[in-house]
Amino acid sequence: MDFKDYYKILGVEPTADDKAIKAAYRKLARKYHPDVSKEKDAEAKFKDASEAYEALKSADKRAEYDEMRKYGQHGQPFQGPPGWQGRGGFGGGQDTGDFSDFFSSIFGNRGPGFGGGEQSRRSAGRRGQDVEMELPIFLEETLSAESKKISFQVPQYNAAGQHVSNTSKSLNVKIPAGVSDGERIRLKGQGAPGVGGGANGDLYLTIRFAPHPKFDVEGENLIITLPLAPWELALGTEVAVPTLTGKINLKVPAGSQNGQRMRAKGHGLLNKAGERGSLFVQLKAVMPKQADDDVKALWQELAKKAAFDPREHF
């Protein structure tokens, strides 16, 4: 299998732009078209020009060919780079249709001679690698309609499938409503680029909720601990309680118990239906760290008058 220099066949420089390549191909096509040309070997030259244009008209194919071109000379046997194996899988000299074994060894069965069509070209290319990353988000961001900017590394491969470098990529990502901690989100086509017309890989984001200083998460619900003085539990009180979007006034009934939970509907996280869960406020009695003699005397008086035994059924 001999190497073909498609630039030489079209009579253009390797730095030629798409317009120059297209113009060169049209000129040769008119000159060597078998239906009108009287030139010697017109059919073979027309075929070579068509093959060359097919390889160079697509940016993906051209990049893949340019990588292979480093390892061959026009008309000389082509071996490819170390570790490279041709895609076509055709034996030397076997007829593969409109294009040569050389073309097929690089691009596979892509082109008019192999069924043509965009789907055929896509299926013959190598799909790009998927990229995985964890995305930490604040609980407040799960309620926001604004996009979140992320940056990540995308691997780049040459035509032989060898990893050559990484490039940085940035995206603005909309956090889906009802997303949960540990959920995996797919962003189609945002991974590594495909080779030879293959589809891009995908980007997979694993959501991680950043720890919040006030709230714990239970599914779509939030938990917050509310410190209260013993007399606030005993007498009742009204307290401004934080939520993700501001504060709400919570009435604590007289006689409330330590560890008791109170529910505030609609102040939790979003679920898949676009509705918000609840905020559960857990009451916690907090004793004063210090007490003078007067305060101790009041506690002693309370103990006598209340006549309360918390361990009556212990």
Protein backbone atom coordinates (compact mmCIF):
# COMPACT_ATOMS: atom_id res chain seq x y z
CA MET A 1 0.00 0.00 0.00
CA ASP A 2 1.59 3.24 -1.21
CA PHE A 3 1.33 6.59 0.52
CA LYS A 4 -0.63 9.30 -1.28
CA ASP A 5 0.22 12.97 -0.88
CA TYR A 6 -3.21 14.50 -1.40
CA TYR A 7 -1.83 18.03 -1.46
CA LYS A 8 0.51 17.06 -4.29
CA ILE A 9 -2.31 15.37 -6.18
CA LEU A 10 -4.41 18.56 -6.01
CA GLY A 11 -1.40 20.77 -6.71
CA VAL A 12 -1.73 22.87 -3.55
CA GLU A 13 0.47 23.61 -0.56
CA PRO A 14 -0.23 21.95 2.83
CA THR A 15 -1.04 25.44 4.13
CA ALA A 16 -3.79 25.99 1.52
CA ASP A 17 -7.16 27.07 2.88
CA ASP A 18 -10.47 25.36 2.16
CA LYS A 19 -11.26 27.74 -0.70
CA ALA A 20 -7.99 26.98 -2.50
CA ILE A 21 -8.46 23.24 -2.03
CA LYS A 22 -11.98 23.37 -3.41
CA ALA A 23 -10.88 25.46 -6.41
CA ALA A 24 -8.01 23.07 -7.20
CA TYR A 25 -10.34 20.08 -7.05
CA ARG A 26 -12.90 21.68 -9.37
CA LYS A 27 -10.20 22.51 -11.88
CA LEU A 28 -8.93 18.93 -11.95
CA ALA A 29 -12.46 17.50 -11.99
CA ARG A 30 -13.30 19.48 -15.10
CA LYS A 31 -10.03 18.49 -16.75
CA TYR A 32 -10.17 14.75 -16.03
CA HIS A 33 -13.86 13.88 -15.83
CA PRO A 34 -14.14 10.60 -17.76
CA ASP A 35 -17.25 11.73 -19.64
CA VAL A 36 -15.52 14.68 -21.31
CA SER A 37 -11.74 14.32 -20.92
CA LYS A 38 -9.46 13.07 -23.70
CA GLU A 39 -6.44 13.10 -21.37
CA LYS A 40 -4.42 9.92 -20.87
CA ASP A 41 -5.40 8.08 -17.65
CA ALA A 42 -8.18 10.62 -17.12
CA GLU A 43 -10.33 8.22 -15.08
CA ALA A 44 -7.52 7.34 -12.67
CA LYS A 45 -6.54 11.01 -12.24
CA PHE A 46 -10.17 12.01 -11.69
CA LYS A 47 -10.46 9.30 -9.08
CA ASP A 48 -7.28 10.46 -7.32
CA ALA A 49 -8.48 14.08 -7.28
CA SER A 50 -11.86 13.05 -5.84
CA GLU A 51 -10.18 10.98 -3.15
CA ALA A 52 -7.82 13.81 -2.27
CA TYR A 53 -10.67 16.29 -1.97
CA GLU A 54 -12.68 13.88 0.17
CA ALA A 55 -9.73 13.64 2.56
CA LEU A 56 -9.02 17.37 2.76
CA LYS A 57 -12.43 19.06 2.60
CA SER A 58 -13.35 18.10 6.19
CA ALA A 59 -11.40 19.72 9.02
CA ASP A 60 -11.48 16.48 11.05
CA LYS A 61 -10.32 14.27 8.19
CA ARG A 62 -7.67 16.76 7.16
CA ALA A 63 -6.24 16.91 10.67
CA GLU A 64 -6.14 13.12 10.80
CA TYR A 65 -4.46 12.91 7.40
CA ASP A 66 -1.91 15.60 8.30
CA GLU A 67 -0.86 13.49 11.26
CA MET A 68 -0.31 10.47 9.00
CA ARG A 69 1.47 12.58 6.37
CA LYS A 70 4.44 12.98 8.71
CA TYR A 71 5.20 9.28 8.21
CA GLY A 72 4.98 8.88 4.44
CA GLN A 73 6.20 10.04 1.04
CA HIS A 74 4.14 10.13 -2.12
CA GLY A 75 4.31 6.87 -4.06
CA GLN A 76 6.37 5.10 -1.40
CA PRO A 77 5.15 2.14 0.71
CA PHE A 78 3.31 3.39 3.79
CA GLN A 79 3.77 1.78 7.18
CA GLY A 80 2.31 4.44 9.47
CA PRO A 81 3.63 5.57 12.86
CA PRO A 82 4.80 3.04 15.47
CA GLY A 83 1.90 1.07 16.89
CA TRP A 84 -0.45 2.29 14.17
CA GLN A 85 -2.87 -0.09 12.52
CA GLY A 86 -4.98 0.85 9.54
CA ARG A 87 -8.70 1.11 10.03
CA GLY A 88 -9.87 -0.39 6.80
CA GLY A 89 -8.70 -3.90 7.49
CA PHE A 90 -8.30 -4.57 3.76
CA GLY A 91 -5.48 -6.67 2.37
CA GLY A 92 -3.07 -5.07 -0.06
CA GLY A 93 -4.50 -4.72 -3.53
CA GLN A 94 -8.06 -5.66 -2.54
CA ASP A 95 -10.71 -3.61 -4.30
CA THR A 96 -12.54 -1.40 -1.83
CA GLY A 97 -14.67 0.63 -4.18
CA ASP A 98 -14.16 4.26 -5.24
CA PHE A 99 -11.30 4.93 -2.83
CA SER A 100 -7.92 3.32 -2.37
CA ASP A 101 -6.69 0.99 0.34
CA PHE A 102 -4.60 3.90 1.62
CA PHE A 103 -7.66 6.10 2.11
CA SER A 104 -9.57 3.26 3.79
CA SER A 105 -6.66 2.41 6.09
CA ILE A 106 -6.82 5.92 7.57
CA PHE A 107 -10.49 6.79 7.49
CA GLY A 108 -12.25 3.45 7.36
CA ASN A 109 -15.17 2.94 5.02
CA ARG A 110 -16.10 6.61 4.76
CA GLY A 111 -16.92 8.36 1.55
CA PRO A 112 -19.14 7.97 -1.52
CA GLY A 113 -17.57 4.62 -2.44
CA PHE A 114 -18.62 3.07 0.86
CA GLY A 115 -22.26 3.98 1.17
CA GLY A 116 -21.53 7.70 1.75
CA GLY A 117 -23.81 9.75 3.93
CA GLU A 118 -23.18 11.54 7.19
CA GLN A 119 -24.21 8.59 9.30
CA SER A 120 -21.66 6.34 7.61
CA ARG A 121 -18.89 8.86 8.16
CA ARG A 122 -19.78 9.30 11.81
CA SER A 123 -19.91 5.59 12.52
CA ALA A 124 -16.45 5.01 11.00
CA GLY A 125 -14.77 7.68 13.15
CA ARG A 126 -13.49 7.17 16.66
CA ARG A 127 -15.64 8.61 19.38
CA GLY A 128 -13.95 11.02 21.77
CA GLN A 129 -13.26 10.07 25.37
CA ASP A 130 -15.78 10.88 28.08
CA VAL A 131 -14.69 13.26 30.83
CA GLU A 132 -15.72 12.80 34.47
CA MET A 133 -15.55 15.48 37.16
CA GLU A 134 -17.11 16.28 40.51
CA LEU A 135 -19.00 19.55 40.77
CA PRO A 136 -19.31 20.97 44.30
CA ILE A 137 -22.28 23.30 44.69
CA PHE A 138 -23.74 25.30 47.57
CA LEU A 139 -27.26 24.49 48.67
CA GLU A 140 -28.33 28.00 47.68
CA GLU A 141 -27.23 27.28 44.09
CA THR A 142 -29.77 24.47 43.78
CA LEU A 143 -32.52 27.12 43.96
CA SER A 144 -30.87 29.56 41.56
CA ALA A 145 -31.88 29.97 37.91
CA GLU A 146 -28.45 31.36 37.07
CA SER A 147 -25.82 29.27 35.28
CA LYS A 148 -22.66 28.17 37.03
CA LYS A 149 -19.34 28.53 35.23
CA ILE A 150 -17.13 25.45 35.34
CA SER A 151 -13.66 24.74 33.97
CA PHE A 152 -12.15 21.33 33.28
CA GLN A 153 -9.40 19.55 31.35
CA VAL A 154 -10.16 17.81 28.05
CA PRO A 155 -7.68 15.22 26.69
CA GLN A 156 -6.50 15.64 23.10
CA TYR A 157 -5.50 12.67 20.91
CA ASN A 158 -3.70 12.41 17.59
CA ALA A 159 -4.91 10.39 14.62
CA ALA A 160 -3.19 7.30 15.97
CA GLY A 161 -5.22 7.50 19.17
CA GLN A 162 -2.29 8.62 21.32
CA HIS A 163 -2.83 11.14 24.09
CA VAL A 164 -0.80 14.24 23.26
CA SER A 165 -2.03 17.00 25.58
CA ASN A 166 -4.84 18.44 27.68
CA THR A 167 -6.70 21.63 26.98
CA SER A 168 -8.77 23.75 29.34
CA LYS A 169 -12.44 24.19 28.58
CA SER A 170 -15.05 26.40 30.26
CA LEU A 171 -18.82 26.04 30.20
CA ASN A 172 -21.81 27.75 31.77
CA VAL A 173 -23.90 25.00 33.31
CA LYS A 174 -27.52 25.26 34.45
CA ILE A 175 -28.04 23.26 37.64
CA PRO A 176 -31.16 21.10 37.06
CA ALA A 177 -34.10 21.58 39.41
CA GLY A 178 -34.31 18.85 42.01
CA VAL A 179 -30.68 17.77 41.68
CA SER A 180 -29.48 15.60 44.55
CA ASP A 181 -26.13 14.98 46.17
CA GLY A 182 -24.20 12.32 44.23
CA GLU A 183 -26.39 12.65 41.13
CA ARG A 184 -24.59 12.18 37.81
CA ILE A 185 -25.44 14.61 35.01
CA ARG A 186 -24.54 14.04 31.36
CA LEU A 187 -23.61 16.91 29.04
CA LYS A 188 -23.62 15.39 25.57
CA GLY A 189 -20.72 16.21 23.27
CA GLN A 190 -18.76 18.25 25.83
CA GLY A 191 -16.01 15.69 26.35
CA ALA A 192 -12.91 14.99 24.27
CA PRO A 193 -13.20 15.61 20.51
CA GLY A 194 -13.70 12.65 18.21
CA VAL A 195 -11.08 11.60 15.67
CA GLY A 196 -11.73 11.28 11.95
CA GLY A 197 -15.28 12.55 12.09
CA GLY A 198 -16.21 10.55 15.18
CA ALA A 199 -18.62 12.02 17.70
CA ASN A 200 -17.32 13.97 20.68
CA GLY A 201 -17.29 12.29 24.04
CA ASP A 202 -19.60 13.39 26.85
CA LEU A 203 -18.97 15.30 30.06
CA TYR A 204 -20.32 13.68 33.23
CA LEU A 205 -20.75 15.85 36.30
CA THR A 206 -21.19 14.24 39.71
CA ILE A 207 -22.96 16.71 42.00
CA ARG A 208 -21.55 17.14 45.49
CA PHE A 209 -23.31 19.36 48.00
CA ALA A 210 -20.80 21.53 49.85
CA PRO A 211 -21.24 21.26 53.65
CA HIS A 212 -23.45 24.06 54.98
CA PRO A 213 -22.70 25.77 58.30
CA LYS A 214 -26.38 25.68 59.35
CA PHE A 215 -28.29 23.01 57.42
CA ASP A 216 -28.14 19.24 57.08
CA VAL A 217 -29.79 17.54 54.13
CA GLU A 218 -32.31 14.68 54.22
CA GLY A 219 -33.53 14.08 50.68
CA GLU A 220 -35.47 17.18 49.65
CA ASN A 221 -35.72 18.37 53.25
CA LEU A 222 -33.37 20.49 55.34
CA ILE A 223 -32.64 20.19 59.05
CA ILE A 224 -31.56 23.06 61.26
CA THR A 225 -30.90 22.99 65.01
CA LEU A 226 -32.45 25.89 66.95
CA PRO A 227 -30.82 26.63 70.34
CA LEU A 228 -33.32 27.74 73.02
CA ALA A 229 -33.10 28.64 76.67
CA PRO A 230 -34.99 26.27 78.99
CA TRP A 231 -37.51 28.99 79.83
CA GLU A 232 -38.16 29.59 76.12
CA LEU A 233 -39.17 25.95 75.78
CA ALA A 234 -41.26 26.21 78.93
CA LEU A 235 -42.98 29.54 78.25
CA GLY A 236 -42.97 29.57 74.44
CA THR A 237 -41.34 32.15 72.19
CA GLU A 238 -41.07 33.46 68.63
CA VAL A 239 -37.70 33.17 66.87
CA ALA A 240 -36.36 34.32 63.48
CA VAL A 241 -35.06 31.13 61.85
CA PRO A 242 -32.67 31.18 58.83
CA THR A 243 -33.66 29.51 55.54
CA LEU A 244 -31.85 29.32 52.19
CA THR A 245 -33.69 32.39 50.97
CA GLY A 246 -34.01 34.55 54.08
CA LYS A 247 -35.57 34.25 57.54
CA ILE A 248 -38.96 33.11 58.78
CA ASN A 249 -40.60 33.75 62.16
CA LEU A 250 -41.22 30.51 64.01
CA LYS A 251 -43.55 30.29 66.99
CA VAL A 252 -42.34 27.81 69.59
CA PRO A 253 -45.31 26.69 71.72
CA ALA A 254 -45.10 26.70 75.51
CA GLY A 255 -44.12 23.34 76.89
CA SER A 256 -42.05 22.33 73.85
CA GLN A 257 -39.53 19.53 74.38
CA ASN A 258 -35.80 19.37 73.82
CA GLY A 259 -35.13 17.47 70.55
CA GLN A 260 -38.62 18.13 69.24
CA ARG A 261 -38.92 18.92 65.51
CA MET A 262 -41.09 21.63 64.03
CA ARG A 263 -41.86 21.70 60.31
CA ALA A 264 -41.85 24.70 57.97
CA LYS A 265 -43.30 23.56 54.62
CA GLY A 266 -41.86 24.88 51.37
CA HIS A 267 -38.48 25.94 52.77
CA GLY A 268 -36.43 22.88 51.80
CA LEU A 269 -34.76 21.90 48.52
CA LEU A 270 -36.41 21.60 45.13
CA ASN A 271 -37.57 18.16 44.01
CA LYS A 272 -37.92 16.83 40.45
CA ALA A 273 -41.47 18.19 40.28
CA GLY A 274 -40.19 21.70 40.93
CA GLU A 275 -41.68 21.82 44.43
CA ARG A 276 -39.73 22.54 47.59
CA GLY A 277 -39.46 20.19 50.50
CA SER A 278 -39.66 21.21 54.16
CA LEU A 279 -37.36 22.78 56.69
CA PHE A 280 -37.35 20.84 59.94
CA VAL A 281 -36.37 22.90 62.97
CA GLN A 282 -34.98 20.75 65.77
CA LEU A 283 -35.30 22.36 69.19
CA LYS A 284 -32.30 22.19 71.48
CA ALA A 285 -32.27 23.33 75.10
CA VAL A 286 -29.10 25.19 76.01
CA MET A 287 -28.24 25.82 79.65
CA PRO A 288 -26.49 29.02 80.74
CA LYS A 289 -22.79 28.38 81.21
CA GLN A 290 -22.67 30.35 84.46
CA ALA A 291 -25.20 31.19 87.15
CA ASP A 292 -24.80 33.47 90.17
CA ASP A 293 -26.36 32.82 93.58
CA ASP A 294 -29.58 34.65 92.72
CA VAL A 295 -30.11 32.61 89.57
CA LYS A 296 -29.38 29.37 91.42
CA ALA A 297 -31.91 30.34 94.05
CA LEU A 298 -34.56 30.81 91.34
CA TRP A 299 -33.78 27.37 89.90
CA GLN A 300 -34.13 25.87 93.37
CA GLU A 301 -37.45 27.63 93.88
CA LEU A 302 -38.64 26.35 90.48
CA ALA A 303 -37.63 22.79 91.36
CA LYS A 304 -39.72 22.93 94.56
CA LYS A 305 -42.81 24.46 92.98
CA ALA A 306 -42.81 22.37 89.79
CA ALA A 307 -42.65 19.07 91.68
CA PHE A 308 -41.59 17.43 88.41
CA ASP A 309 -39.79 14.10 88.14
CA PRO A 310 -38.47 13.56 84.62
CA ARG A 311 -37.53 9.96 85.49
CA GLU A 312 -40.88 8.91 86.81
CA HIS A 313 -41.18 6.14 84.22
CA PHE A 314 -37.44 5.62 83.72
